[in-house]
Protein backbone atom coordinates (compact mmCIF):
# COMPACT_ATOMS: atom_id res chain seq x y z
CA MET A 1 -147.10 174.44 24.96
CA ILE A 2 -144.24 176.83 23.92
CA LYS A 3 -141.00 174.72 23.65
CA PHE A 4 -137.37 176.07 24.10
CA ALA A 5 -133.78 174.92 23.66
CA VAL A 6 -130.52 176.31 25.44
CA ILE A 7 -127.74 177.13 23.52
CA GLY A 8 -124.97 178.48 25.58
CA LEU A 9 -123.91 176.79 29.11
CA ASP A 10 -121.50 179.49 29.93
CA HIS A 11 -122.99 181.23 32.85
CA ARG A 12 -124.64 179.93 35.65
CA HIS A 13 -127.42 182.54 35.06
CA VAL A 14 -128.42 179.71 32.76
CA TYR A 15 -129.91 177.72 35.64
CA HIS A 16 -132.78 180.50 36.61
CA LEU A 17 -133.37 181.14 32.97
CA ILE A 18 -134.18 177.42 32.60
CA GLU A 19 -135.80 177.14 35.92
CA GLU A 20 -138.24 180.21 35.31
CA LEU A 21 -139.29 178.85 31.99
CA LEU A 22 -139.85 175.31 33.23
CA ALA A 23 -142.31 176.89 36.46
CA VAL A 24 -144.59 178.44 33.75
CA GLY A 25 -145.33 175.53 31.66
CA ALA A 26 -142.64 175.81 29.27
CA GLU A 27 -141.11 172.59 27.93
CA CYS A 28 -137.21 172.41 27.47
CA ILE A 29 -136.27 170.12 24.40
CA GLY A 30 -132.48 170.15 25.05
CA TYR A 31 -129.32 172.04 25.66
CA TRP A 32 -126.26 172.24 23.59
CA THR A 33 -123.42 170.45 25.53
CA GLN A 34 -120.67 172.50 24.32
CA THR A 35 -119.51 174.82 27.13
CA SER A 36 -116.53 177.03 28.36
CA ASP A 37 -116.97 175.98 31.77
CA PRO A 38 -117.40 172.08 32.55
CA ARG A 39 -118.69 173.32 35.92
CA VAL A 40 -121.98 174.95 34.42
CA LEU A 41 -122.80 171.87 32.28
CA GLU A 42 -122.65 169.56 35.46
CA GLY A 43 -124.76 172.24 37.13
CA VAL A 44 -127.36 171.75 34.24
CA ARG A 45 -127.26 167.93 34.30
CA GLU A 46 -127.57 167.86 38.30
CA ARG A 47 -130.24 170.22 38.28
CA PHE A 48 -132.23 169.16 35.50
CA PRO A 49 -131.88 165.38 34.70
CA GLN A 50 -135.35 165.31 32.51
CA ILE A 51 -133.72 167.28 30.07
CA PRO A 52 -131.86 165.70 27.11
CA PRO A 53 -128.26 166.89 26.25
CA ILE A 54 -128.05 167.40 22.51
CA ASP A 55 -124.51 167.30 21.07
CA ASP A 56 -125.78 168.66 17.47
CA ARG A 57 -126.08 172.59 17.76
CA GLN A 58 -127.61 172.75 14.34
CA ALA A 59 -130.56 170.33 15.30
CA LEU A 60 -131.70 172.54 17.81
CA LEU A 61 -131.84 175.69 15.61
CA GLU A 62 -133.46 174.04 12.92
CA ASN A 63 -135.90 171.76 14.74
CA PRO A 64 -139.55 173.47 13.72
CA ASP A 65 -140.80 172.42 17.16
CA ILE A 66 -138.69 174.98 19.20
CA ASP A 67 -140.02 178.24 19.83
CA LEU A 68 -137.52 179.95 21.64
CA ILE A 69 -133.77 179.87 21.94
CA VAL A 70 -131.99 180.60 25.10
CA THR A 71 -128.62 181.52 25.95
CA ALA A 72 -125.97 182.22 28.51
CA ALA A 73 -122.95 181.67 26.33
CA VAL A 74 -119.86 183.85 26.42
CA PRO A 75 -121.21 187.19 26.53
CA CYS A 76 -119.46 188.36 23.41
CA GLU A 77 -121.41 185.28 21.26
CA ARG A 78 -124.68 185.89 22.39
CA ALA A 79 -125.74 188.20 19.59
CA ALA A 80 -124.50 185.86 17.22
CA ILE A 81 -126.48 183.33 18.37
CA ALA A 82 -129.51 185.34 18.41
CA VAL A 83 -129.14 186.47 14.98
CA GLU A 84 -128.99 183.11 13.76
CA ALA A 85 -131.86 181.78 15.66
CA MET A 86 -134.11 184.57 14.52
CA ARG A 87 -133.32 183.71 11.35
CA LEU A 88 -134.23 180.48 11.46
CA GLY A 89 -137.79 181.50 13.01
CA LYS A 90 -137.33 181.60 16.71
CA ASP A 91 -137.31 183.98 19.27
CA VAL A 92 -134.49 184.67 21.66
CA LEU A 93 -134.13 184.91 25.29
CA THR A 94 -130.61 185.99 26.52
CA ASP A 95 -128.89 186.13 29.83
CA LYS A 96 -127.29 189.99 30.22
CA PRO A 97 -125.42 191.22 28.50
CA GLY A 98 -127.07 190.25 25.11
CA ILE A 99 -125.17 192.93 23.33
CA THR A 100 -121.09 193.86 23.92
CA ASP A 101 -120.55 195.91 21.14
CA ALA A 102 -122.03 198.49 18.84
CA GLU A 103 -121.86 196.70 15.72
CA GLN A 104 -123.62 193.72 17.50
CA LEU A 105 -126.38 196.10 18.64
CA ALA A 106 -126.99 197.32 14.97
CA LEU A 107 -127.36 193.80 13.80
CA VAL A 108 -129.42 192.49 16.18
CA GLU A 109 -131.81 195.55 16.03
CA ARG A 110 -132.08 194.86 12.41
CA THR A 111 -132.70 191.09 12.46
CA THR A 112 -135.59 191.86 14.73
CA GLN A 113 -137.05 194.27 12.11
CA GLU A 114 -136.59 191.92 9.30
CA THR A 115 -137.84 188.67 10.98
CA GLY A 116 -140.53 190.04 13.35
CA ARG A 117 -138.78 187.54 15.90
CA ILE A 118 -138.52 188.72 19.61
CA PHE A 119 -135.20 189.51 21.25
CA SER A 120 -135.41 189.70 24.96
CA ILE A 121 -132.75 189.91 27.74
CA CYS A 122 -133.21 188.86 30.94
CA PHE A 123 -132.15 191.58 33.41
CA SER A 124 -132.08 189.41 36.52
CA GLU A 125 -131.88 191.81 39.32
CA ARG A 126 -135.39 192.98 38.23
CA MET A 127 -136.69 189.96 36.38
CA ILE A 128 -136.44 187.44 39.53
CA VAL A 129 -136.46 189.94 42.23
CA PRO A 130 -139.68 190.02 44.25
CA ALA A 131 -138.84 193.33 45.89
CA VAL A 132 -138.56 195.13 42.66
CA GLN A 133 -141.97 193.95 41.47
CA THR A 134 -143.45 195.14 44.62
CA ALA A 135 -141.47 198.41 44.58
CA LEU A 136 -142.79 199.12 40.88
CA ARG A 137 -146.32 198.18 41.82
CA LEU A 138 -146.35 200.71 44.74
CA VAL A 139 -144.44 203.39 42.31
CA THR A 140 -147.13 202.84 39.65
CA GLU A 141 -150.08 203.14 42.32
CA GLY A 142 -148.64 206.60 43.29
CA ALA A 143 -147.14 205.48 46.96
CA ILE A 144 -144.12 207.75 46.61
CA GLY A 145 -145.58 210.78 44.40
CA GLU A 146 -143.28 211.59 41.15
CA VAL A 147 -140.09 209.55 40.79
CA ILE A 148 -137.23 212.22 40.93
CA GLN A 149 -134.09 210.16 41.18
CA THR A 150 -133.34 206.20 41.38
CA LEU A 151 -129.70 205.06 43.34
CA GLY A 152 -128.69 201.63 42.29
CA LEU A 153 -125.88 199.73 43.83
CA GLY A 154 -124.66 196.46 42.28
CA PRO A 155 -121.86 194.80 44.66
CA HIS A 156 -120.81 191.04 43.25
CA ARG A 157 -118.42 188.75 44.95
CA LEU A 158 -115.53 187.97 42.74
CA ASN A 159 -114.95 184.12 43.45
CA ARG A 160 -111.79 184.49 41.66
CA ASP A 161 -111.17 180.56 41.69
CA ILE A 162 -114.17 179.56 39.72
CA ARG A 163 -114.13 182.28 37.00
CA PRO A 164 -113.35 181.07 33.66
CA GLU A 165 -110.59 183.17 31.74
CA TRP A 166 -113.16 185.07 29.31
CA PHE A 167 -115.04 186.56 32.41
CA PHE A 168 -111.50 188.77 32.80
CA ASP A 169 -111.39 189.88 29.17
CA THR A 170 -113.03 193.16 28.09
CA ALA A 171 -113.51 192.09 24.73
CA THR A 172 -115.36 188.74 25.74
CA TYR A 173 -117.75 190.00 28.63
CA GLY A 174 -118.17 193.81 27.36
CA GLY A 175 -116.80 195.52 30.49
CA ILE A 176 -118.33 196.15 34.06
CA LEU A 177 -120.79 198.88 32.92
CA VAL A 178 -122.05 196.99 29.71
CA ASP A 179 -122.05 193.74 31.90
CA ILE A 180 -123.42 194.56 35.32
CA ALA A 181 -124.63 197.96 35.28
CA SER A 182 -127.09 197.18 32.14
CA HIS A 183 -129.23 195.95 35.38
CA GLN A 184 -129.24 199.31 36.88
CA ILE A 185 -129.67 201.04 33.69
CA ASP A 186 -132.89 198.94 33.13
CA GLN A 187 -134.25 199.62 36.73
CA PHE A 188 -133.82 203.49 36.22
CA MET A 189 -135.90 203.61 33.11
CA MET A 190 -138.61 201.22 34.43
CA PHE A 191 -138.98 203.58 37.87
CA SER A 192 -138.67 206.63 35.98
CA GLY A 193 -140.77 206.12 33.18
CA SER A 194 -138.29 207.19 30.98
CA SER A 195 -138.15 205.75 27.25
CA ASP A 196 -134.63 207.04 26.81
CA ALA A 197 -131.81 208.71 28.75
CA GLU A 198 -128.49 210.66 28.64
CA ILE A 199 -125.16 209.32 30.08
CA SER A 200 -123.70 212.46 32.03
CA HIS A 201 -120.74 210.55 33.70
CA ALA A 202 -119.26 207.35 33.64
CA ALA A 203 -116.05 206.03 34.74
CA VAL A 204 -114.32 202.62 35.39
CA GLY A 205 -111.42 201.57 37.57
CA HIS A 206 -109.22 198.84 38.78
CA PHE A 207 -108.53 198.35 42.57
CA GLY A 208 -108.25 194.75 43.49
CA ALA A 209 -104.94 192.92 44.08
CA LYS A 210 -106.12 189.60 42.70
CA THR A 211 -107.23 190.23 39.24
CA PRO A 212 -105.25 191.55 36.16
CA ASN A 213 -104.78 195.40 35.65
CA SER A 214 -107.03 195.53 32.86
CA PHE A 215 -109.96 194.00 34.61
CA GLN A 216 -112.62 196.73 35.49
CA ASP A 217 -113.61 196.13 39.10
CA PHE A 218 -115.29 199.10 39.82
CA GLY A 219 -117.73 201.32 37.76
CA GLU A 220 -120.28 204.24 38.19
CA ILE A 221 -122.58 205.82 35.97
CA ALA A 222 -124.82 209.07 36.07
CA LEU A 223 -127.83 209.37 33.67
CA ARG A 224 -131.16 211.70 33.30
CA SER A 225 -134.11 211.57 31.25
CA PRO A 226 -133.84 214.30 28.58
CA SER A 227 -137.82 214.47 28.53
CA THR A 228 -138.58 214.38 32.38
CA GLY A 229 -135.11 215.44 33.99
CA ARG A 230 -135.50 212.55 36.12
CA ARG A 231 -131.89 211.37 37.24
CA GLY A 232 -130.14 207.96 37.96
CA TYR A 233 -126.61 207.20 39.63
CA ILE A 234 -125.28 203.64 39.52
CA ARG A 235 -122.14 202.00 41.28
CA VAL A 236 -121.22 198.40 40.62
CA ASP A 237 -118.20 196.51 41.80
CA TRP A 238 -116.62 193.43 42.33
CA PHE A 239 -115.69 193.90 46.43
CA THR A 240 -118.27 192.00 48.17
CA PRO A 241 -116.50 190.55 51.11
CA ASP A 242 -116.35 186.85 52.02
CA GLY A 243 -118.05 187.71 55.21
CA LEU A 244 -121.46 188.51 53.32
CA PRO A 245 -123.81 185.33 53.52
CA THR A 246 -124.79 186.38 49.90
CA TRP A 247 -123.12 187.30 46.60
CA GLY A 248 -123.78 191.08 46.96
CA ASP A 249 -125.76 193.42 48.96
CA GLY A 250 -127.80 194.72 46.05
CA ARG A 251 -129.61 197.97 46.89
CA LEU A 252 -131.96 200.05 45.29
CA PHE A 253 -133.21 203.66 46.42
CA VAL A 254 -136.12 205.70 44.76
CA LEU A 255 -136.78 208.89 45.78
CA GLY A 256 -140.27 210.32 45.03
CA THR A 257 -142.25 213.62 45.88
CA GLU A 258 -143.82 212.21 48.37
CA GLY A 259 -141.91 209.71 49.89
CA SER A 260 -138.85 207.01 49.04
CA LEU A 261 -138.49 203.17 48.79
CA GLU A 262 -135.43 201.43 49.87
CA LEU A 263 -134.86 197.79 48.57
CA ARG A 264 -132.74 195.54 50.01
CA LYS A 265 -132.98 192.76 47.56
CA TYR A 266 -130.70 189.67 49.04
CA LEU A 267 -130.64 190.42 52.59
CA ASP A 268 -130.95 192.59 55.59
CA ILE A 269 -127.91 192.73 57.15
CA GLU A 270 -127.95 192.13 61.06
CA GLY A 271 -131.69 192.19 60.64
CA ARG A 272 -134.72 190.20 59.62
CA PRO A 273 -133.76 186.74 57.75
CA GLY A 274 -134.58 186.17 54.10
CA THR A 275 -134.44 188.39 51.10
CA ASP A 276 -136.70 190.84 49.13
CA HIS A 277 -137.14 193.37 52.05
CA LEU A 278 -138.53 196.89 50.88
CA PHE A 279 -138.93 199.63 53.19
CA LEU A 280 -141.32 202.54 52.33
CA VAL A 281 -141.05 205.83 54.05
CA ASP A 282 -144.26 208.03 53.32
CA LYS A 283 -146.48 210.73 55.22
CA LYS A 284 -148.06 208.24 57.48
CA GLY A 285 -144.59 206.61 58.46
CA THR A 286 -141.96 203.87 57.89
CA HIS A 287 -142.99 200.72 56.84
CA HIS A 288 -141.00 197.22 56.17
CA ILE A 289 -142.85 195.06 53.62
CA ASP A 290 -141.62 191.55 53.19
CA CYS A 291 -141.85 190.88 49.34
CA GLN A 292 -141.15 187.39 49.15
CA GLN A 293 -144.21 186.10 48.05
CA GLU A 294 -144.66 188.77 45.39
CA PRO A 295 -145.44 186.77 41.92
CA LEU A 296 -142.54 187.08 39.34
CA VAL A 297 -144.29 188.00 35.85
CA PHE A 298 -141.48 188.28 33.29
CA PHE A 299 -141.57 184.49 32.42
CA ARG A 300 -144.97 183.89 32.08
CA GLN A 301 -145.30 187.02 29.89
CA LEU A 302 -142.74 186.15 27.57
CA VAL A 303 -143.96 183.08 27.33
CA ASN A 304 -147.22 184.54 26.35
CA ASP A 305 -145.78 186.84 24.05
CA VAL A 306 -143.84 184.05 22.01
CA ARG A 307 -147.33 182.61 21.56
CA ASP A 308 -149.49 185.65 20.93
CA ARG A 309 -146.61 187.93 19.11
CA THR A 310 -147.15 190.61 21.95
CA GLU A 311 -144.58 192.69 24.05
CA THR A 312 -145.98 192.34 27.21
CA ALA A 313 -142.80 191.16 29.29
CA MET A 314 -140.54 193.80 27.76
CA GLY A 315 -140.83 196.42 24.95
CA GLN A 316 -138.38 195.63 22.07
CA SER A 317 -137.17 199.21 22.16
CA HIS A 318 -136.62 198.84 25.66
CA VAL A 319 -134.24 196.08 25.29
CA PHE A 320 -132.03 198.18 22.79
CA THR A 321 -132.13 201.52 24.60
CA VAL A 322 -130.74 199.57 27.83
CA SER A 323 -128.07 198.05 25.71
CA ARG A 324 -127.13 201.01 23.82
CA LEU A 325 -127.26 203.36 27.22
CA ALA A 326 -124.61 200.57 28.76
CA LEU A 327 -122.50 200.70 25.42
CA GLU A 328 -122.68 204.62 25.59
CA ALA A 329 -121.44 204.54 29.26
CA ASP A 330 -118.54 202.45 28.49
CA ALA A 331 -117.28 204.57 25.83
CA ILE A 332 -117.39 207.47 27.72
CA ALA A 333 -115.68 205.75 30.49
CA ARG A 334 -112.98 204.52 28.31
CA GLN A 335 -112.68 207.83 26.75
CA GLY A 336 -112.03 209.03 30.24
CA ASP A 337 -109.27 206.51 30.90
CA LYS A 338 -107.29 208.04 27.86
CA GLN A 339 -107.23 211.41 29.05
């Protein structure tokens, strides 16, 4: 049985990291109790009363029985936690973004090469969304022909009153393109079958009245695969209105040579109940597919990778390529702000 521990209880995404690992049979030895957001710590205690709280961080890192360190720490701290864990013989699963600057990227990449450990990022808008799993399967089966373009929309609700201060500091959370848009970059790479991409446009902006002027609440990216010419467009923002019954109307469009897919990941507004709606248009007509029962595979594959020393859940090069592209997009957007 794979055993894991949690170091970094600063973002609510830690709940699904723990929950999904437990669901595939991994055992949680404990979690470090230090946090920048006591509400997250309390949430872990309420959801997982069987997991022991641990006050000694080093005891978790040095415990020889622990195979995997999981972190949803303040984003700028995740890479350092990962490097320390890998040097002590642990594999790592981090919430996104796992890397917030180029220096961290170089250090983490070098550490994986030196130690042979796994560094994986949970891009939750793919990993825990059944509709995306179904769509990837359909694309692989040739349901829409050759993919030409992806269009990914990642709107989020701000929830201003419950955000910790680090959330509004670009130096600590990485900026909107490094943070949220990493999801859509990951999806572009997967759906287009690309091993690399080029950023042809990137921009960020601040439009909201309730946040600091330095806070990036809107961002966009255009990218293409240099080997295939396939293209992607990404829009992310913090403007989901309170009237929407979920945190964001995340959508993904995949254009193919013989059809198209539209994913309404979290709701079908004014339509069918539930999540994970997929719409397929092909030469036979239009189709609605309810994907709620599609199995999630990432966490089981990751546990198997930790045990078998394989790369079935996510290629290590893919992790670093997505992180690098997000950083490049951020750099281009920041340069645009100076012009």
